[in-house]
Amino acid sequence: MVLDLLLIGLAIALDPLPITGFVLVLSSDRGIWKGLAFILTWLASFLAIIAAVLLMTGGEPPAPKSAPSTAALAVKLAVGVGLVLYAERRRRNLGKRPKSSGFMSRIERISPWTAAGLALLLQPWGMIAAGASTVVDAQLGHAASYAALMGYVLLASSSLLTMELYATFAPRTAHVRLGRLRAWIEGHQDQALVSLCLFLGLWLVGKSIYQLTA
């Protein structure tokens, strides 16, 4: 479970879509407060999903080869296949779509409430679903499971938290460097998405098939 959560959390943290959107939020007027609304909503959704999964399992992982265990692996397998297909679709469209969109440019004029809603819109729900199917294996009777879950949430949110703190304590420098980061991401967004989704998808597919057939 720990390794899966580590890989999924890292993939979420490096996903270029929420990073680009968050940079635009921070670059807007009163961007720090809007960024805070974005992060709080982002974290709240993570915690709500984890809590819902743990409530369903009662904090105990299902027995191997049981119906709930098989269902969780089937979900993880389906998410992995979906990520691979999505990566292939993005790969075929490399260079065919514009680097930026009117939607992204309008983010600079949003309110804090809209920034909060944007956090839900830009979350990589496929990867989050993979994380939720992995959380099924958490055993709340052990402190290590609490540490793994907390580490997963913090790792998945680490890029946003780092940018928010940077913009808060070094606003002038952050404005310049985040602008450069935004430009670089927009130039490599598709390549990064293809690589992340393909790697994570193949990992989930391979491990799920192994566990289903073992």
N, C-alpha and C. Protein backbone atom coordinates (compact mmCIF):
# COMPACT_ATOMS: atom_id res chain seq x y z
N MET A 1 0.82 -1.21 0.00
CA MET A 1 0.00 0.00 0.00
C MET A 1 0.86 1.26 0.00
N VAL A 2 1.92 1.26 0.81
CA VAL A 2 2.73 2.46 0.96
C VAL A 2 3.37 2.86 -0.37
N LEU A 3 3.94 1.89 -1.08
CA LEU A 3 4.58 2.21 -2.36
C LEU A 3 3.57 2.72 -3.37
N ASP A 4 2.41 2.10 -3.42
CA ASP A 4 1.36 2.56 -4.35
C ASP A 4 0.95 4.00 -4.04
N LEU A 5 0.73 4.29 -2.76
CA LEU A 5 0.34 5.66 -2.38
C LEU A 5 1.45 6.65 -2.68
N LEU A 6 2.70 6.22 -2.51
CA LEU A 6 3.83 7.10 -2.83
C LEU A 6 3.85 7.46 -4.31
N LEU A 7 3.68 6.46 -5.16
CA LEU A 7 3.71 6.71 -6.61
C LEU A 7 2.50 7.54 -7.05
N ILE A 8 1.33 7.22 -6.52
CA ILE A 8 0.12 7.96 -6.88
C ILE A 8 0.22 9.40 -6.40
N GLY A 9 0.66 9.60 -5.15
CA GLY A 9 0.81 10.95 -4.62
C GLY A 9 1.81 11.77 -5.41
N LEU A 10 2.91 11.15 -5.81
CA LEU A 10 3.92 11.86 -6.60
C LEU A 10 3.37 12.25 -7.97
N ALA A 11 2.62 11.34 -8.59
CA ALA A 11 2.03 11.64 -9.90
C ALA A 11 1.03 12.79 -9.79
N ILE A 12 0.23 12.82 -8.72
CA ILE A 12 -0.72 13.92 -8.54
C ILE A 12 0.02 15.24 -8.33
N ALA A 13 1.09 15.20 -7.52
CA ALA A 13 1.86 16.42 -7.24
C ALA A 13 2.50 16.99 -8.49
N LEU A 14 2.86 16.13 -9.44
CA LEU A 14 3.54 16.59 -10.65
C LEU A 14 2.59 16.82 -11.82
N ASP A 15 1.31 16.57 -11.64
CA ASP A 15 0.36 16.77 -12.73
C ASP A 15 0.36 18.23 -13.17
N PRO A 16 0.63 18.50 -14.45
CA PRO A 16 0.78 19.89 -14.89
C PRO A 16 -0.51 20.70 -14.92
N LEU A 17 -1.67 20.06 -15.04
CA LEU A 17 -2.92 20.83 -15.14
C LEU A 17 -3.24 21.59 -13.86
N PRO A 18 -3.29 20.94 -12.68
CA PRO A 18 -3.54 21.72 -11.46
C PRO A 18 -2.42 22.69 -11.14
N ILE A 19 -1.18 22.36 -11.48
CA ILE A 19 -0.07 23.28 -11.22
C ILE A 19 -0.24 24.55 -12.04
N THR A 20 -0.56 24.39 -13.34
CA THR A 20 -0.74 25.56 -14.19
C THR A 20 -1.90 26.41 -13.70
N GLY A 21 -3.02 25.76 -13.37
CA GLY A 21 -4.17 26.51 -12.87
C GLY A 21 -3.86 27.23 -11.58
N PHE A 22 -3.10 26.57 -10.69
CA PHE A 22 -2.78 27.20 -9.41
C PHE A 22 -1.82 28.38 -9.59
N VAL A 23 -0.90 28.28 -10.52
CA VAL A 23 0.00 29.41 -10.80
C VAL A 23 -0.80 30.61 -11.28
N LEU A 24 -1.81 30.37 -12.11
CA LEU A 24 -2.66 31.47 -12.58
C LEU A 24 -3.46 32.07 -11.43
N VAL A 25 -3.93 31.22 -10.52
CA VAL A 25 -4.66 31.71 -9.36
C VAL A 25 -3.76 32.60 -8.51
N LEU A 26 -2.53 32.16 -8.26
CA LEU A 26 -1.60 32.95 -7.46
C LEU A 26 -1.22 34.25 -8.15
N SER A 27 -1.21 34.26 -9.47
CA SER A 27 -0.81 35.46 -10.22
C SER A 27 -1.91 36.51 -10.28
N SER A 28 -3.13 36.16 -9.88
CA SER A 28 -4.24 37.10 -9.95
C SER A 28 -4.22 38.06 -8.77
N ASP A 29 -5.11 39.05 -8.81
CA ASP A 29 -5.23 39.99 -7.70
C ASP A 29 -5.65 39.25 -6.43
N ARG A 30 -4.96 39.53 -5.31
CA ARG A 30 -5.18 38.83 -4.04
C ARG A 30 -5.05 37.33 -4.22
N GLY A 31 -4.03 36.97 -5.01
CA GLY A 31 -3.84 35.57 -5.36
C GLY A 31 -3.54 34.67 -4.19
N ILE A 32 -2.89 35.20 -3.15
CA ILE A 32 -2.55 34.36 -2.00
C ILE A 32 -3.81 33.84 -1.32
N TRP A 33 -4.82 34.74 -1.14
CA TRP A 33 -6.08 34.32 -0.52
C TRP A 33 -6.84 33.36 -1.41
N LYS A 34 -6.82 33.60 -2.70
CA LYS A 34 -7.48 32.68 -3.63
C LYS A 34 -6.75 31.34 -3.65
N GLY A 35 -5.42 31.38 -3.57
CA GLY A 35 -4.65 30.14 -3.52
C GLY A 35 -4.96 29.35 -2.26
N LEU A 36 -5.17 30.07 -1.14
CA LEU A 36 -5.53 29.39 0.10
C LEU A 36 -6.88 28.69 -0.03
N ALA A 37 -7.84 29.36 -0.66
CA ALA A 37 -9.16 28.74 -0.88
C ALA A 37 -9.03 27.50 -1.76
N PHE A 38 -8.18 27.59 -2.77
CA PHE A 38 -7.92 26.46 -3.67
C PHE A 38 -7.36 25.28 -2.88
N ILE A 39 -6.33 25.52 -2.06
CA ILE A 39 -5.66 24.46 -1.32
C ILE A 39 -6.59 23.83 -0.28
N LEU A 40 -7.35 24.66 0.44
CA LEU A 40 -8.25 24.13 1.46
C LEU A 40 -9.30 23.20 0.84
N THR A 41 -9.82 23.58 -0.31
CA THR A 41 -10.79 22.73 -0.99
C THR A 41 -10.14 21.46 -1.49
N TRP A 42 -8.95 21.61 -2.04
CA TRP A 42 -8.17 20.45 -2.53
C TRP A 42 -7.95 19.44 -1.39
N LEU A 43 -7.49 19.93 -0.23
CA LEU A 43 -7.23 19.05 0.91
C LEU A 43 -8.52 18.45 1.46
N ALA A 44 -9.58 19.26 1.51
CA ALA A 44 -10.86 18.77 2.04
C ALA A 44 -11.40 17.62 1.20
N SER A 45 -11.26 17.70 -0.11
CA SER A 45 -11.76 16.63 -0.97
C SER A 45 -10.96 15.36 -0.77
N PHE A 46 -9.63 15.50 -0.61
CA PHE A 46 -8.80 14.34 -0.34
C PHE A 46 -9.23 13.65 0.95
N LEU A 47 -9.35 14.44 2.01
CA LEU A 47 -9.70 13.89 3.32
C LEU A 47 -11.10 13.26 3.30
N ALA A 48 -12.03 13.90 2.57
CA ALA A 48 -13.39 13.36 2.49
C ALA A 48 -13.41 12.01 1.80
N ILE A 49 -12.63 11.86 0.73
CA ILE A 49 -12.59 10.59 0.00
C ILE A 49 -11.96 9.50 0.87
N ILE A 50 -10.86 9.84 1.54
CA ILE A 50 -10.20 8.86 2.42
C ILE A 50 -11.14 8.44 3.55
N ALA A 51 -11.82 9.43 4.16
CA ALA A 51 -12.75 9.12 5.25
C ALA A 51 -13.88 8.23 4.77
N ALA A 52 -14.40 8.49 3.57
CA ALA A 52 -15.49 7.68 3.04
C ALA A 52 -15.05 6.23 2.83
N VAL A 53 -13.85 6.05 2.30
CA VAL A 53 -13.33 4.69 2.08
C VAL A 53 -13.14 3.97 3.40
N LEU A 54 -12.56 4.66 4.39
CA LEU A 54 -12.32 4.03 5.69
C LEU A 54 -13.62 3.70 6.42
N LEU A 55 -14.64 4.54 6.22
CA LEU A 55 -15.94 4.23 6.81
C LEU A 55 -16.53 2.96 6.21
N MET A 56 -16.32 2.77 4.92
CA MET A 56 -16.85 1.58 4.26
C MET A 56 -16.11 0.32 4.70
N THR A 57 -14.80 0.45 4.94
CA THR A 57 -14.02 -0.73 5.32
C THR A 57 -13.96 -0.93 6.83
N GLY A 58 -14.36 0.10 7.60
CA GLY A 58 -14.27 0.00 9.04
C GLY A 58 -12.85 0.07 9.55
N GLY A 59 -11.94 0.55 8.72
CA GLY A 59 -10.54 0.65 9.12
C GLY A 59 -9.79 -0.66 9.09
N GLU A 60 -10.40 -1.69 8.50
CA GLU A 60 -9.75 -2.99 8.38
C GLU A 60 -9.73 -3.40 6.91
N PRO A 61 -8.57 -3.79 6.38
CA PRO A 61 -8.52 -4.21 4.98
C PRO A 61 -9.33 -5.48 4.76
N PRO A 62 -9.99 -5.61 3.62
CA PRO A 62 -10.78 -6.83 3.36
C PRO A 62 -9.86 -8.04 3.23
N ALA A 63 -10.40 -9.19 3.52
CA ALA A 63 -9.62 -10.43 3.43
C ALA A 63 -9.21 -10.68 1.97
N PRO A 64 -8.02 -11.24 1.76
CA PRO A 64 -7.59 -11.56 0.39
C PRO A 64 -8.58 -12.49 -0.30
N LYS A 65 -8.79 -12.27 -1.57
CA LYS A 65 -9.68 -13.07 -2.41
C LYS A 65 -11.15 -12.92 -2.05
N SER A 66 -11.48 -12.02 -1.13
CA SER A 66 -12.88 -11.77 -0.82
C SER A 66 -13.48 -10.86 -1.89
N ALA A 67 -14.82 -10.75 -1.87
CA ALA A 67 -15.48 -9.90 -2.87
C ALA A 67 -15.03 -8.44 -2.78
N PRO A 68 -14.96 -7.82 -1.59
CA PRO A 68 -14.50 -6.43 -1.52
C PRO A 68 -13.06 -6.26 -1.99
N SER A 69 -12.19 -7.21 -1.64
CA SER A 69 -10.80 -7.13 -2.08
C SER A 69 -10.69 -7.23 -3.60
N THR A 70 -11.43 -8.15 -4.17
CA THR A 70 -11.41 -8.31 -5.63
C THR A 70 -11.99 -7.08 -6.32
N ALA A 71 -13.05 -6.51 -5.73
CA ALA A 71 -13.65 -5.30 -6.32
C ALA A 71 -12.66 -4.14 -6.30
N ALA A 72 -11.91 -3.98 -5.20
CA ALA A 72 -10.93 -2.89 -5.12
C ALA A 72 -9.84 -3.07 -6.17
N LEU A 73 -9.39 -4.32 -6.36
CA LEU A 73 -8.37 -4.57 -7.38
C LEU A 73 -8.93 -4.34 -8.78
N ALA A 74 -10.21 -4.69 -8.99
CA ALA A 74 -10.83 -4.46 -10.30
C ALA A 74 -10.92 -2.97 -10.60
N VAL A 75 -11.26 -2.17 -9.57
CA VAL A 75 -11.30 -0.72 -9.76
C VAL A 75 -9.92 -0.19 -10.10
N LYS A 76 -8.91 -0.67 -9.37
CA LYS A 76 -7.55 -0.22 -9.64
C LYS A 76 -7.10 -0.60 -11.04
N LEU A 77 -7.47 -1.80 -11.47
CA LEU A 77 -7.15 -2.25 -12.82
C LEU A 77 -7.83 -1.38 -13.86
N ALA A 78 -9.12 -1.08 -13.64
CA ALA A 78 -9.86 -0.25 -14.58
C ALA A 78 -9.27 1.15 -14.67
N VAL A 79 -8.88 1.71 -13.51
CA VAL A 79 -8.26 3.03 -13.52
C VAL A 79 -6.93 2.98 -14.27
N GLY A 80 -6.15 1.94 -14.05
CA GLY A 80 -4.88 1.81 -14.76
C GLY A 80 -5.06 1.74 -16.26
N VAL A 81 -6.02 0.93 -16.70
CA VAL A 81 -6.31 0.83 -18.14
C VAL A 81 -6.75 2.19 -18.68
N GLY A 82 -7.61 2.89 -17.91
CA GLY A 82 -8.08 4.20 -18.33
C GLY A 82 -6.94 5.20 -18.47
N LEU A 83 -6.00 5.17 -17.54
CA LEU A 83 -4.85 6.08 -17.61
C LEU A 83 -3.97 5.77 -18.83
N VAL A 84 -3.78 4.49 -19.11
CA VAL A 84 -2.99 4.12 -20.29
C VAL A 84 -3.67 4.60 -21.57
N LEU A 85 -4.98 4.38 -21.67
CA LEU A 85 -5.72 4.83 -22.86
C LEU A 85 -5.69 6.35 -22.98
N TYR A 86 -5.83 7.04 -21.84
CA TYR A 86 -5.78 8.49 -21.86
C TYR A 86 -4.41 8.98 -22.31
N ALA A 87 -3.35 8.32 -21.83
CA ALA A 87 -2.00 8.70 -22.24
C ALA A 87 -1.80 8.51 -23.74
N GLU A 88 -2.32 7.40 -24.25
CA GLU A 88 -2.18 7.15 -25.68
C GLU A 88 -2.96 8.19 -26.51
N ARG A 89 -4.13 8.55 -26.02
CA ARG A 89 -4.92 9.56 -26.72
C ARG A 89 -4.19 10.90 -26.73
N ARG A 90 -3.63 11.30 -25.59
CA ARG A 90 -2.88 12.55 -25.53
C ARG A 90 -1.64 12.49 -26.41
N ARG A 91 -1.00 11.32 -26.46
CA ARG A 91 0.20 11.18 -27.29
C ARG A 91 -0.12 11.39 -28.76
N ARG A 92 -1.26 10.86 -29.19
CA ARG A 92 -1.63 11.01 -30.60
C ARG A 92 -1.97 12.45 -30.96
N ASN A 93 -2.37 13.22 -29.95
CA ASN A 93 -2.76 14.61 -30.19
C ASN A 93 -1.64 15.61 -29.90
N LEU A 94 -0.43 15.11 -29.64
CA LEU A 94 0.68 16.01 -29.35
C LEU A 94 0.88 17.00 -30.48
N GLY A 95 0.93 18.28 -30.14
CA GLY A 95 1.18 19.32 -31.14
C GLY A 95 -0.04 19.73 -31.94
N LYS A 96 -1.19 19.05 -31.75
CA LYS A 96 -2.38 19.38 -32.53
C LYS A 96 -3.26 20.42 -31.87
N ARG A 97 -3.05 20.64 -30.54
CA ARG A 97 -3.89 21.58 -29.81
C ARG A 97 -3.09 22.78 -29.37
N PRO A 98 -3.71 23.95 -29.22
CA PRO A 98 -2.99 25.13 -28.77
C PRO A 98 -2.43 24.93 -27.38
N LYS A 99 -1.31 25.63 -27.07
CA LYS A 99 -0.66 25.52 -25.78
C LYS A 99 -1.52 26.04 -24.64
N SER A 100 -2.30 27.04 -24.87
CA SER A 100 -3.13 27.61 -23.81
C SER A 100 -4.54 27.78 -24.31
N SER A 101 -5.45 28.09 -23.41
CA SER A 101 -6.85 28.22 -23.79
C SER A 101 -7.47 29.43 -23.13
N GLY A 102 -8.62 29.85 -23.66
CA GLY A 102 -9.32 30.97 -23.07
C GLY A 102 -9.74 30.68 -21.65
N PHE A 103 -10.03 29.40 -21.37
CA PHE A 103 -10.41 29.02 -20.02
C PHE A 103 -9.30 29.35 -19.04
N MET A 104 -8.06 28.98 -19.38
CA MET A 104 -6.94 29.25 -18.49
C MET A 104 -6.71 30.74 -18.31
N SER A 105 -6.89 31.51 -19.37
CA SER A 105 -6.67 32.95 -19.24
C SER A 105 -7.72 33.60 -18.36
N ARG A 106 -8.94 33.05 -18.31
CA ARG A 106 -9.99 33.63 -17.48
C ARG A 106 -9.80 33.33 -16.00
N ILE A 107 -8.95 32.37 -15.67
CA ILE A 107 -8.70 32.02 -14.28
C ILE A 107 -8.16 33.22 -13.52
N GLU A 108 -7.43 34.10 -14.21
CA GLU A 108 -6.80 35.25 -13.56
C GLU A 108 -7.82 36.23 -13.00
N ARG A 109 -9.09 36.11 -13.37
CA ARG A 109 -10.10 37.08 -12.93
C ARG A 109 -11.16 36.45 -12.02
N ILE A 110 -10.85 35.31 -11.43
CA ILE A 110 -11.84 34.61 -10.63
C ILE A 110 -11.89 35.12 -9.20
N SER A 111 -12.94 34.74 -8.47
CA SER A 111 -13.10 35.07 -7.06
C SER A 111 -12.57 33.91 -6.22
N PRO A 112 -12.39 34.14 -4.90
CA PRO A 112 -11.95 33.02 -4.04
C PRO A 112 -12.90 31.82 -4.08
N TRP A 113 -14.21 32.09 -4.15
CA TRP A 113 -15.17 30.98 -4.22
C TRP A 113 -14.99 30.18 -5.51
N THR A 114 -14.74 30.88 -6.59
CA THR A 114 -14.51 30.19 -7.86
C THR A 114 -13.20 29.41 -7.82
N ALA A 115 -12.19 29.98 -7.14
CA ALA A 115 -10.92 29.28 -6.99
C ALA A 115 -11.12 27.97 -6.23
N ALA A 116 -11.99 27.99 -5.23
CA ALA A 116 -12.30 26.76 -4.48
C ALA A 116 -12.95 25.72 -5.40
N GLY A 117 -13.89 26.16 -6.22
CA GLY A 117 -14.52 25.24 -7.16
C GLY A 117 -13.53 24.74 -8.20
N LEU A 118 -12.59 25.60 -8.58
CA LEU A 118 -11.60 25.23 -9.57
C LEU A 118 -10.71 24.10 -9.06
N ALA A 119 -10.47 24.08 -7.74
CA ALA A 119 -9.66 23.02 -7.15
C ALA A 119 -10.29 21.65 -7.42
N LEU A 120 -11.62 21.58 -7.33
CA LEU A 120 -12.32 20.33 -7.61
C LEU A 120 -12.27 19.99 -9.10
N LEU A 121 -12.38 21.00 -9.94
CA LEU A 121 -12.39 20.78 -11.38
C LEU A 121 -11.05 20.28 -11.89
N LEU A 122 -9.95 20.80 -11.34
CA LEU A 122 -8.62 20.48 -11.84
C LEU A 122 -7.98 19.28 -11.16
N GLN A 123 -8.64 18.71 -10.16
CA GLN A 123 -8.05 17.54 -9.53
C GLN A 123 -8.03 16.36 -10.51
N PRO A 124 -6.94 15.62 -10.55
CA PRO A 124 -6.86 14.45 -11.45
C PRO A 124 -7.66 13.28 -10.87
N TRP A 125 -8.94 13.23 -11.18
CA TRP A 125 -9.83 12.28 -10.51
C TRP A 125 -9.49 10.83 -10.80
N GLY A 126 -8.90 10.56 -11.96
CA GLY A 126 -8.50 9.19 -12.25
C GLY A 126 -7.44 8.71 -11.27
N MET A 127 -6.44 9.56 -11.02
CA MET A 127 -5.39 9.21 -10.06
C MET A 127 -5.93 9.15 -8.64
N ILE A 128 -6.86 10.04 -8.33
CA ILE A 128 -7.46 10.03 -6.99
C ILE A 128 -8.28 8.76 -6.79
N ALA A 129 -8.95 8.29 -7.84
CA ALA A 129 -9.68 7.03 -7.75
C ALA A 129 -8.73 5.87 -7.48
N ALA A 130 -7.56 5.92 -8.12
CA ALA A 130 -6.55 4.89 -7.87
C ALA A 130 -6.10 4.94 -6.41
N GLY A 131 -5.93 6.15 -5.88
CA GLY A 131 -5.56 6.29 -4.48
C GLY A 131 -6.64 5.76 -3.55
N ALA A 132 -7.89 6.03 -3.88
CA ALA A 132 -8.99 5.56 -3.05
C ALA A 132 -9.05 4.03 -3.02
N SER A 133 -8.82 3.40 -4.17
CA SER A 133 -8.84 1.93 -4.21
C SER A 133 -7.66 1.33 -3.45
N THR A 134 -6.60 2.12 -3.27
CA THR A 134 -5.44 1.66 -2.50
C THR A 134 -5.67 1.85 -1.00
N VAL A 135 -6.39 2.91 -0.65
CA VAL A 135 -6.67 3.19 0.77
C VAL A 135 -7.50 2.08 1.39
N VAL A 136 -8.18 1.30 0.56
CA VAL A 136 -8.97 0.17 1.06
C VAL A 136 -8.09 -0.75 1.92
N ASP A 137 -6.80 -0.82 1.61
CA ASP A 137 -5.90 -1.72 2.32
C ASP A 137 -5.37 -1.13 3.63
N ALA A 138 -5.78 0.10 3.98
CA ALA A 138 -5.30 0.72 5.21
C ALA A 138 -5.85 0.00 6.43
N GLN A 139 -5.00 -0.17 7.42
CA GLN A 139 -5.40 -0.80 8.68
C GLN A 139 -5.18 0.20 9.80
N LEU A 140 -6.27 0.77 10.30
CA LEU A 140 -6.16 1.86 11.26
C LEU A 140 -5.69 1.40 12.64
N GLY A 141 -5.54 0.10 12.82
CA GLY A 141 -5.01 -0.38 14.08
C GLY A 141 -3.51 -0.17 14.20
N HIS A 142 -2.86 0.25 13.11
CA HIS A 142 -1.42 0.45 13.10
C HIS A 142 -1.12 1.92 12.80
N ALA A 143 -0.18 2.48 13.58
CA ALA A 143 0.20 3.87 13.38
C ALA A 143 0.81 4.10 12.00
N ALA A 144 1.44 3.06 11.44
CA ALA A 144 2.06 3.20 10.12
C ALA A 144 1.04 3.54 9.05
N SER A 145 -0.19 3.03 9.21
CA SER A 145 -1.23 3.34 8.22
C SER A 145 -1.62 4.80 8.28
N TYR A 146 -1.73 5.36 9.49
CA TYR A 146 -2.02 6.79 9.63
C TYR A 146 -0.91 7.61 8.98
N ALA A 147 0.33 7.22 9.24
CA ALA A 147 1.47 7.96 8.67
C ALA A 147 1.45 7.88 7.15
N ALA A 148 1.13 6.70 6.61
CA ALA A 148 1.10 6.53 5.16
C ALA A 148 0.00 7.39 4.53
N LEU A 149 -1.17 7.43 5.15
CA LEU A 149 -2.27 8.23 4.61
C LEU A 149 -1.96 9.71 4.68
N MET A 150 -1.39 10.16 5.81
CA MET A 150 -1.04 11.57 5.94
C MET A 150 0.06 11.94 4.95
N GLY A 151 1.04 11.05 4.79
CA GLY A 151 2.10 11.31 3.83
C GLY A 151 1.58 11.38 2.41
N TYR A 152 0.60 10.53 2.09
CA TYR A 152 -0.01 10.54 0.76
C TYR A 152 -0.69 11.88 0.47
N VAL A 153 -1.48 12.37 1.42
CA VAL A 153 -2.18 13.64 1.23
C VAL A 153 -1.18 14.79 1.09
N LEU A 154 -0.16 14.81 1.95
CA LEU A 154 0.82 15.90 1.90
C LEU A 154 1.67 15.84 0.63
N LEU A 155 2.05 14.63 0.21
CA LEU A 155 2.83 14.50 -1.01
C LEU A 155 2.03 14.94 -2.23
N ALA A 156 0.77 14.50 -2.31
CA ALA A 156 -0.07 14.88 -3.45
C ALA A 156 -0.31 16.39 -3.51
N SER A 157 -0.25 17.05 -2.35
CA SER A 157 -0.50 18.50 -2.29
C SER A 157 0.79 19.31 -2.19
N SER A 158 1.94 18.64 -2.21
CA SER A 158 3.21 19.31 -1.91
C SER A 158 3.55 20.44 -2.88
N SER A 159 3.27 20.24 -4.18
CA SER A 159 3.61 21.29 -5.15
C SER A 159 2.77 22.54 -4.90
N LEU A 160 1.50 22.37 -4.57
CA LEU A 160 0.63 23.52 -4.32
C LEU A 160 1.02 24.23 -3.02
N LEU A 161 1.29 23.44 -1.98
CA LEU A 161 1.69 24.02 -0.70
C LEU A 161 3.00 24.79 -0.82
N THR A 162 3.95 24.24 -1.57
CA THR A 162 5.23 24.92 -1.76
C THR A 162 5.05 26.25 -2.47
N MET A 163 4.24 26.28 -3.52
CA MET A 163 4.02 27.52 -4.26
C MET A 163 3.29 28.56 -3.42
N GLU A 164 2.32 28.11 -2.62
CA GLU A 164 1.58 29.03 -1.76
C GLU A 164 2.51 29.67 -0.72
N LEU A 165 3.34 28.88 -0.08
CA LEU A 165 4.28 29.41 0.91
C LEU A 165 5.30 30.33 0.26
N TYR A 166 5.77 29.97 -0.90
CA TYR A 166 6.75 30.78 -1.63
C TYR A 166 6.15 32.14 -1.98
N ALA A 167 4.92 32.12 -2.50
CA ALA A 167 4.26 33.37 -2.87
C ALA A 167 3.95 34.23 -1.65
N THR A 168 3.74 33.61 -0.50
CA THR A 168 3.42 34.35 0.73
C THR A 168 4.65 35.06 1.29
N PHE A 169 5.79 34.37 1.33
CA PHE A 169 6.97 34.91 2.00
C PHE A 169 7.97 35.57 1.06
N ALA A 170 7.85 35.34 -0.24
CA ALA A 170 8.74 35.99 -1.20
C ALA A 170 7.93 36.35 -2.44
N PRO A 171 6.97 37.26 -2.30
CA PRO A 171 6.01 37.52 -3.39
C PRO A 171 6.64 38.01 -4.69
N ARG A 172 7.62 38.91 -4.60
CA ARG A 172 8.21 39.45 -5.83
C ARG A 172 8.99 38.39 -6.59
N THR A 173 9.84 37.68 -5.87
CA THR A 173 10.61 36.63 -6.52
C THR A 173 9.70 35.53 -7.03
N ALA A 174 8.70 35.19 -6.23
CA ALA A 174 7.78 34.12 -6.62
C ALA A 174 7.03 34.48 -7.89
N HIS A 175 6.62 35.74 -8.02
CA HIS A 175 5.87 36.15 -9.21
C HIS A 175 6.67 35.89 -10.48
N VAL A 176 7.96 36.21 -10.44
CA VAL A 176 8.81 36.02 -11.62
C VAL A 176 9.03 34.53 -11.89
N ARG A 177 9.40 33.80 -10.85
CA ARG A 177 9.74 32.40 -11.05
C ARG A 177 8.52 31.53 -11.35
N LEU A 178 7.39 31.85 -10.74
CA LEU A 178 6.18 31.09 -11.06
C LEU A 178 5.72 31.37 -12.48
N GLY A 179 5.96 32.59 -12.95
CA GLY A 179 5.66 32.90 -14.34
C GLY A 179 6.49 32.06 -15.29
N ARG A 180 7.77 31.90 -14.95
CA ARG A 180 8.64 31.05 -15.77
C ARG A 180 8.20 29.60 -15.72
N LEU A 181 7.80 29.16 -14.52
CA LEU A 181 7.32 27.79 -14.37
C LEU A 181 6.07 27.56 -15.21
N ARG A 182 5.17 28.52 -15.19
CA ARG A 182 3.95 28.41 -15.99
C ARG A 182 4.28 28.29 -17.48
N ALA A 183 5.21 29.13 -17.96
CA ALA A 183 5.58 29.09 -19.37
C ALA A 183 6.20 27.74 -19.74
N TRP A 184 7.06 27.22 -18.84
CA TRP A 184 7.70 25.94 -19.13
C TRP A 184 6.68 24.81 -19.15
N ILE A 185 5.76 24.82 -18.18
CA ILE A 185 4.75 23.76 -18.10
C ILE A 185 3.85 23.79 -19.33
N GLU A 186 3.43 24.98 -19.75
CA GLU A 186 2.55 25.08 -20.90
C GLU A 186 3.24 24.57 -22.17
N GLY A 187 4.58 24.66 -22.20
CA GLY A 187 5.31 24.16 -23.36
C GLY A 187 5.55 22.66 -23.32
N HIS A 188 5.41 22.05 -22.15
CA HIS A 188 5.69 20.62 -22.01
C HIS A 188 4.52 19.87 -21.35
N GLN A 189 3.35 20.48 -21.32
CA GLN A 189 2.22 19.93 -20.59
C GLN A 189 1.81 18.56 -21.10
N ASP A 190 1.65 18.42 -22.40
CA ASP A 190 1.19 17.16 -22.95
C ASP A 190 2.20 16.04 -22.73
N GLN A 191 3.48 16.34 -22.95
CA GLN A 191 4.51 15.33 -22.75
C GLN A 191 4.53 14.84 -21.30
N ALA A 192 4.39 15.79 -20.36
CA ALA A 192 4.39 15.42 -18.94
C ALA A 192 3.18 14.56 -18.59
N LEU A 193 2.01 14.93 -19.10
CA LEU A 193 0.80 14.16 -18.82
C LEU A 193 0.89 12.74 -19.38
N VAL A 194 1.40 12.62 -20.60
CA VAL A 194 1.55 11.30 -21.22
C VAL A 194 2.47 10.43 -20.38
N SER A 195 3.62 10.98 -19.97
CA SER A 195 4.58 10.20 -19.21
C SER A 195 4.02 9.77 -17.86
N LEU A 196 3.40 10.72 -17.14
CA LEU A 196 2.84 10.40 -15.82
C LEU A 196 1.74 9.35 -15.90
N CYS A 197 0.78 9.58 -16.81
CA CYS A 197 -0.37 8.68 -16.91
C CYS A 197 0.06 7.29 -17.40
N LEU A 198 1.00 7.26 -18.34
CA LEU A 198 1.44 5.97 -18.87
C LEU A 198 2.17 5.17 -17.80
N PHE A 199 3.08 5.82 -17.08
CA PHE A 199 3.83 5.12 -16.04
C PHE A 199 2.90 4.60 -14.94
N LEU A 200 2.06 5.51 -14.42
CA LEU A 200 1.17 5.11 -13.33
C LEU A 200 0.16 4.06 -13.80
N GLY A 201 -0.37 4.24 -15.01
CA GLY A 201 -1.34 3.28 -15.54
C GLY A 201 -0.75 1.89 -15.69
N LEU A 202 0.46 1.79 -16.25
CA LEU A 202 1.10 0.49 -16.42
C LEU A 202 1.41 -0.16 -15.07
N TRP A 203 1.84 0.67 -14.10
CA TRP A 203 2.10 0.13 -12.76
C TRP A 203 0.84 -0.46 -12.15
N LEU A 204 -0.28 0.28 -12.22
CA LEU A 204 -1.53 -0.19 -11.64
C LEU A 204 -2.04 -1.44 -12.34
N VAL A 205 -1.94 -1.46 -13.67
CA VAL A 205 -2.41 -2.62 -14.43
C VAL A 205 -1.58 -3.86 -14.07
N GLY A 206 -0.26 -3.69 -14.09
CA GLY A 206 0.62 -4.82 -13.81
C GLY A 206 0.41 -5.39 -12.40
N LYS A 207 0.36 -4.49 -11.42
CA LYS A 207 0.22 -4.97 -10.03
C LYS A 207 -1.16 -5.57 -9.80
N SER A 208 -2.21 -4.96 -10.37
CA SER A 208 -3.57 -5.47 -10.18
C SER A 208 -3.72 -6.85 -10.79
N ILE A 209 -3.19 -7.05 -12.00
CA ILE A 209 -3.29 -8.36 -12.65
C ILE A 209 -2.54 -9.40 -11.83
N TYR A 210 -1.36 -9.03 -11.32
CA TYR A 210 -0.58 -9.96 -10.51
C TYR A 210 -1.36 -10.39 -9.26
N GLN A 211 -1.95 -9.41 -8.58
CA GLN A 211 -2.67 -9.73 -7.35
C GLN A 211 -3.97 -10.49 -7.61
N LEU A 212 -4.60 -10.22 -8.75
CA LEU A 212 -5.82 -10.94 -9.08
C LEU A 212 -5.56 -12.39 -9.46
N THR A 213 -4.39 -12.65 -10.04
CA THR A 213 -4.10 -14.00 -10.52
C THR A 213 -3.21 -14.79 -9.55
N ALA A 214 -2.70 -14.11 -8.53
CA ALA A 214 -1.79 -14.81 -7.60
C ALA A 214 -2.54 -15.85 -6.76
